[in-house]
């Protein structure tokens, strides 16, 4: 398959999984949903790992990268699911999808100087995220609604920061351990961290049987997004896959507009478009 197909399949998988997460998070709680979704994804990634025959590499000196990757993944998923459950989904998804801005700034701090195009993409993405947040906030009329939206916006930004930690630590770990082994180890750690947190705060996790089919689909789609992304991440065309996969937030927002009947005004549509134009510019090779 071409990088365009790999990236498109990854975007559709991630975007649809996040859309389902809004429903499961509201139905049984973000923590409960995560506790059951993560092992489903683990099984999917484990099967892909075995099928592709990637070797198991043990190098204790760099396990801290895998640890940071898992912590970033746990934080990202927890804040993402809570933010999606709070809604509106059409606001949360584009803000989280702006996380490449933080990735760029972090790498700039490491001395990897971005190109002028990437700096321009950073500015475009920030403008788009601000437009999405401001337009959503103005759509509400009561003080309580304004306060609730600001909390959701804050959660979305924190999620983007955790996303940055997950991506950067994961990319550095992949060079040693490989793509699927790193993803498998990171998800295992995230499941353990979130499981301990869930047991400590809410007691035994539970999911009524009627939610199991939706959780199964959500977990498989989330794992598929990772497998498709890695499948197209080889060779000179790998950046194209990453760019297209990064549009998952648009998929989530459109699904919320179509099926949840969330209202998206002209300013918010413009902001969403600017975010994904900016992300494309950010993902372009320096």
Protein backbone atom coordinates (compact mmCIF):
# COMPACT_ATOMS: atom_id res chain seq x y z
CA UNK A 1 0.00 0.00 0.00
CA UNK A 2 1.08 3.58 -0.56
CA UNK A 3 1.90 6.05 2.29
CA UNK A 4 -1.34 7.88 1.50
CA UNK A 5 -3.36 4.72 2.09
CA UNK A 6 -1.42 3.82 5.27
CA UNK A 7 -1.87 7.33 6.66
CA UNK A 8 -5.54 7.50 5.67
CA UNK A 9 -6.32 4.18 7.36
CA UNK A 10 -4.46 5.32 10.50
CA UNK A 11 -6.36 8.62 10.58
CA UNK A 12 -9.74 6.92 10.14
CA UNK A 13 -8.92 4.35 12.83
CA UNK A 14 -7.67 6.83 15.42
CA UNK A 15 -10.40 9.37 14.65
CA UNK A 16 -13.21 6.81 14.91
CA UNK A 17 -11.74 5.32 18.11
CA UNK A 18 -11.68 8.77 19.72
CA UNK A 19 -15.26 9.40 18.64
CA UNK A 20 -16.35 6.13 20.29
CA UNK A 21 -14.32 7.13 23.37
CA UNK A 22 -16.60 10.11 23.88
CA UNK A 23 -19.58 7.74 24.13
CA UNK A 24 -17.95 5.07 26.31
CA UNK A 25 -16.40 7.69 28.58
CA UNK A 26 -19.78 9.28 29.18
CA UNK A 27 -21.46 5.92 29.60
CA UNK A 28 -19.16 4.10 32.05
CA UNK A 29 -16.51 6.68 32.93
CA UNK A 30 -13.16 7.41 31.29
CA UNK A 31 -11.19 5.24 33.74
CA UNK A 32 -13.40 2.20 33.28
CA UNK A 33 -13.35 2.55 29.50
CA UNK A 34 -9.56 2.82 29.42
CA UNK A 35 -9.07 -0.19 31.67
CA UNK A 36 -10.89 -2.44 29.19
CA UNK A 37 -9.80 -0.74 25.94
CA UNK A 38 -6.03 -0.88 26.56
CA UNK A 39 -5.69 -4.68 26.84
CA UNK A 40 -7.74 -5.10 23.66
CA UNK A 41 -5.25 -2.85 21.89
CA UNK A 42 -2.39 -4.74 23.49
CA UNK A 43 -3.64 -8.01 22.03
CA UNK A 44 -3.97 -6.40 18.60
CA UNK A 45 -0.45 -4.93 18.68
CA UNK A 46 0.94 -8.19 20.05
CA UNK A 47 -0.55 -10.13 17.13
CA UNK A 48 0.90 -7.60 14.66
CA UNK A 49 4.31 -7.87 16.40
CA UNK A 50 4.33 -11.64 16.04
CA UNK A 51 3.06 -11.50 12.46
CA UNK A 52 5.73 -9.01 11.35
CA UNK A 53 8.45 -10.88 13.23
CA UNK A 54 10.11 -7.88 14.84
CA UNK A 55 12.88 -9.06 17.23
CA UNK A 56 12.83 -8.52 20.97
CA UNK A 57 15.70 -6.25 22.02
CA UNK A 58 16.83 -5.91 25.63
CA UNK A 59 18.93 -2.86 26.52
CA UNK A 60 18.40 -1.74 30.11
CA UNK A 61 20.23 1.56 29.68
CA UNK A 62 17.43 3.08 27.57
CA UNK A 63 14.41 1.66 29.38
CA UNK A 64 13.80 5.12 30.84
CA UNK A 65 12.65 6.19 27.37
CA UNK A 66 10.06 3.41 27.35
CA UNK A 67 9.04 4.48 30.86
CA UNK A 68 8.50 8.08 29.74
CA UNK A 69 6.65 6.85 26.66
CA UNK A 70 4.28 4.79 28.84
CA UNK A 71 3.71 7.65 31.29
CA UNK A 72 3.01 10.01 28.42
CA UNK A 73 0.56 7.53 26.91
CA UNK A 74 -1.22 7.02 30.25
CA UNK A 75 -1.54 10.76 30.81
CA UNK A 76 -2.66 11.38 27.25
CA UNK A 77 -5.36 8.72 27.30
CA UNK A 78 -6.70 9.72 30.72
CA UNK A 79 -6.98 13.44 29.89
CA UNK A 80 -8.24 12.71 26.37
CA UNK A 81 -11.04 10.42 27.51
CA UNK A 82 -12.12 12.80 30.27
CA UNK A 83 -12.07 15.76 27.87
CA UNK A 84 -14.00 13.85 25.19
CA UNK A 85 -16.59 12.75 27.75
CA UNK A 86 -17.04 16.37 28.86
CA UNK A 87 -17.22 17.63 25.26
CA UNK A 88 -17.78 19.16 22.88
CA UNK A 89 -15.85 16.59 20.88
CA UNK A 90 -15.51 18.98 17.94
CA UNK A 91 -13.46 21.30 20.19
CA UNK A 92 -11.34 18.71 22.01
CA UNK A 93 -10.14 16.76 18.96
CA UNK A 94 -8.64 19.68 16.98
CA UNK A 95 -6.85 21.12 20.04
CA UNK A 96 -5.28 17.74 20.87
CA UNK A 97 -4.33 17.32 17.21
CA UNK A 98 -2.26 20.52 17.50
CA UNK A 99 0.29 18.63 19.64
CA UNK A 100 3.01 18.74 16.92
CA UNK A 101 3.54 22.38 17.97
CA UNK A 102 4.87 21.16 21.33
CA UNK A 103 6.90 18.43 19.62
CA UNK A 104 8.55 21.05 17.39
CA UNK A 105 9.31 23.36 20.34
CA UNK A 106 10.78 20.49 22.36
CA UNK A 107 13.06 19.40 19.55
CA UNK A 108 14.06 23.05 19.07
CA UNK A 109 15.11 23.01 22.73
CA UNK A 110 17.30 19.99 21.93
CA UNK A 111 19.07 22.06 19.26
CA UNK A 112 17.21 20.66 16.23
CA UNK A 113 16.43 23.92 14.43
CA UNK A 114 13.07 23.90 12.58
CA UNK A 115 12.81 25.22 9.05
CA UNK A 116 11.05 28.52 8.28
CA UNK A 117 8.12 26.50 6.90
CA UNK A 118 7.82 24.61 10.18
CA UNK A 119 7.93 27.83 12.24
CA UNK A 120 5.17 29.18 10.00
CA UNK A 121 3.21 25.98 10.55
CA UNK A 122 3.60 26.45 14.31
CA UNK A 123 2.06 29.93 14.07
CA UNK A 124 -0.80 28.74 11.84
CA UNK A 125 -1.59 25.84 14.18
CA UNK A 126 -1.64 28.07 17.27
CA UNK A 127 -3.96 30.57 15.55
CA UNK A 128 -6.28 27.73 14.54
CA UNK A 129 -6.36 26.25 18.06
CA UNK A 130 -7.17 29.65 19.56
CA UNK A 131 -9.99 30.13 17.03
CA UNK A 132 -11.47 26.72 17.91
CA UNK A 133 -11.32 27.41 21.64
CA UNK A 134 -12.65 30.98 21.46
CA UNK A 135 -15.47 30.16 19.04
CA UNK A 136 -16.60 27.22 21.22
CA UNK A 137 -16.48 29.36 24.35
CA UNK A 138 -18.58 32.11 22.78
CA UNK A 139 -21.22 29.57 21.74
CA UNK A 140 -22.14 29.11 25.42
CA UNK A 141 -24.14 31.68 27.33
CA UNK A 142 -24.06 30.84 31.05
CA UNK A 143 -21.14 31.38 33.43
CA UNK A 144 -21.23 27.70 34.39
CA UNK A 145 -21.00 26.68 30.74
CA UNK A 146 -18.06 29.04 30.19
CA UNK A 147 -16.28 27.57 33.23
CA UNK A 148 -16.94 24.01 32.05
CA UNK A 149 -15.57 24.74 28.58
CA UNK A 150 -12.44 26.33 30.02
CA UNK A 151 -11.77 23.18 32.05
CA UNK A 152 -12.25 21.09 28.89
CA UNK A 153 -9.88 23.36 26.96
CA UNK A 154 -7.29 23.05 29.76
CA UNK A 155 -7.64 19.25 29.72
CA UNK A 156 -7.18 19.26 25.94
CA UNK A 157 -3.97 21.32 26.20
CA UNK A 158 -2.62 19.06 28.98
CA UNK A 159 -3.49 16.07 26.79
CA UNK A 160 -1.47 17.60 23.94
CA UNK A 161 1.51 18.00 26.33
CA UNK A 162 1.29 14.34 27.38
CA UNK A 163 0.94 13.45 23.70
CA UNK A 164 4.23 15.26 23.09
CA UNK A 165 5.97 13.25 25.80
CA UNK A 166 4.57 10.03 24.38
CA UNK A 167 5.64 10.84 20.80
CA UNK A 168 9.14 12.15 21.52
CA UNK A 169 10.09 9.44 24.04
CA UNK A 170 8.54 6.79 21.80
CA UNK A 171 10.42 7.94 18.71
CA UNK A 172 13.70 7.89 20.60
CA UNK A 173 12.94 4.42 22.02
CA UNK A 174 11.92 3.01 18.63
CA UNK A 175 15.47 3.49 17.30
CA UNK A 176 16.64 0.83 19.79
CA UNK A 177 13.66 -1.40 20.53
CA UNK A 178 11.61 -1.21 17.31
CA UNK A 179 8.16 0.21 16.61
CA UNK A 180 5.77 -2.52 17.76
CA UNK A 181 7.80 -3.68 20.79
CA UNK A 182 7.94 -0.07 21.98
CA UNK A 183 4.21 0.37 21.43
CA UNK A 184 3.47 -2.91 23.25
CA UNK A 185 5.69 -2.03 26.23
CA UNK A 186 4.30 1.50 26.45
CA UNK A 187 0.69 0.32 26.44
CA UNK A 188 1.43 -2.33 29.04
CA UNK A 189 2.94 0.28 31.35
CA UNK A 190 0.08 2.69 30.70
CA UNK A 191 -2.46 -0.03 31.53
CA UNK A 192 -0.69 -0.76 34.82
CA UNK A 193 -0.50 2.93 35.78
CA UNK A 194 -4.12 3.64 34.92
CA UNK A 195 -5.26 0.41 36.58
CA UNK A 196 -3.56 1.34 39.86
CA UNK A 197 -5.06 4.84 39.66
CA UNK A 198 -8.51 3.43 38.96
CA UNK A 199 -8.38 0.91 41.83
CA UNK A 200 -7.11 3.61 44.21
CA UNK A 201 -9.82 6.15 43.36
CA UNK A 202 -12.88 4.21 42.21
CA UNK A 203 -12.38 0.63 43.34
CA UNK A 204 -12.90 -2.36 41.10
CA UNK A 205 -13.33 -1.45 37.41
CA UNK A 206 -16.59 -2.47 35.81
CA UNK A 207 -18.24 -2.36 32.41
CA UNK A 208 -21.82 -3.59 31.89
CA UNK A 209 -22.07 -6.27 29.22
CA UNK A 210 -23.96 -4.01 26.83
CA UNK A 211 -20.81 -1.85 26.48
CA UNK A 212 -18.46 -4.71 25.60
CA UNK A 213 -19.01 -4.66 21.80
CA UNK A 214 -18.34 -0.91 21.64
CA UNK A 215 -15.23 -1.22 23.84
CA UNK A 216 -13.99 -4.06 21.64
CA UNK A 217 -14.36 -1.98 18.47
CA UNK A 218 -12.77 1.02 20.17
CA UNK A 219 -9.75 -0.98 21.33
CA UNK A 220 -9.22 -2.66 17.96
CA UNK A 221 -9.49 0.63 16.09
CA UNK A 222 -7.02 2.31 18.44
CA UNK A 223 -4.53 -0.54 17.94
CA UNK A 224 -5.14 -0.52 14.18
CA UNK A 225 -4.29 3.19 14.05
CA UNK A 226 -0.86 2.42 15.52
CA UNK A 227 -0.27 -0.58 13.23
CA UNK A 228 -1.24 1.38 10.11
CA UNK A 229 0.98 4.30 11.16
CA UNK A 230 3.98 2.02 11.66
CA UNK A 231 3.19 0.13 8.47
CA UNK A 232 3.76 3.26 6.40
CA UNK A 233 6.65 4.61 8.49
CA UNK A 234 9.48 3.14 6.48
CA UNK A 235 11.53 4.74 3.72
CA UNK A 236 11.55 8.23 2.28
CA UNK A 237 7.74 8.49 2.16
CA UNK A 238 7.30 7.98 5.92
CA UNK A 239 6.60 11.71 6.59
CA UNK A 240 3.61 11.55 4.22
CA UNK A 241 2.09 8.78 6.31
CA UNK A 242 2.63 10.78 9.51
CA UNK A 243 1.08 13.92 8.00
CA UNK A 244 -2.07 12.15 6.84
CA UNK A 245 -2.38 10.11 10.07
CA UNK A 246 -2.18 13.38 12.01
CA UNK A 247 -5.55 14.46 10.62
CA UNK A 248 -7.37 12.06 12.99
CA UNK A 249 -8.80 15.03 14.90
CA UNK A 250 -10.69 16.16 11.82
CA UNK A 251 -12.26 12.71 11.51
CA UNK A 252 -13.39 12.86 15.16
CA UNK A 253 -14.77 16.39 14.79
CA UNK A 254 -16.71 15.55 11.62
CA UNK A 255 -18.18 12.40 13.20
CA UNK A 256 -19.31 14.48 16.20
CA UNK A 257 -20.90 16.97 13.81
CA UNK A 258 -22.66 14.22 11.86
CA UNK A 259 -23.83 11.89 14.63
CA UNK A 260 -23.79 13.92 17.85
CA UNK A 261 -25.24 16.96 16.08
CA UNK A 262 -22.62 19.23 17.63
CA UNK A 263 -22.84 22.70 16.18
CA UNK A 264 -19.67 23.89 14.42
CA UNK A 265 -19.76 27.54 13.36
CA UNK A 266 -17.78 29.17 10.52
CA UNK A 267 -15.04 30.43 12.85
CA UNK A 268 -14.57 26.96 14.34
CA UNK A 269 -14.49 25.32 10.89
CA UNK A 270 -11.83 27.86 9.87
CA UNK A 271 -9.84 27.10 13.02
CA UNK A 272 -10.04 23.36 12.40
CA UNK A 273 -8.83 23.86 8.83
CA UNK A 274 -5.93 26.07 10.00
CA UNK A 275 -4.86 23.47 12.57
CA UNK A 276 -4.55 20.74 9.98
CA UNK A 277 -2.86 23.00 7.44
CA UNK A 278 -0.42 23.97 10.19
CA UNK A 279 0.16 20.34 11.24
CA UNK A 280 0.92 19.47 7.62
CA UNK A 281 3.49 22.28 7.50
CA UNK A 282 4.98 21.14 10.82
CA UNK A 283 5.32 17.56 9.63
CA UNK A 284 7.14 18.53 6.45
CA UNK A 285 10.81 17.56 6.52
CA UNK A 286 13.16 20.40 7.56
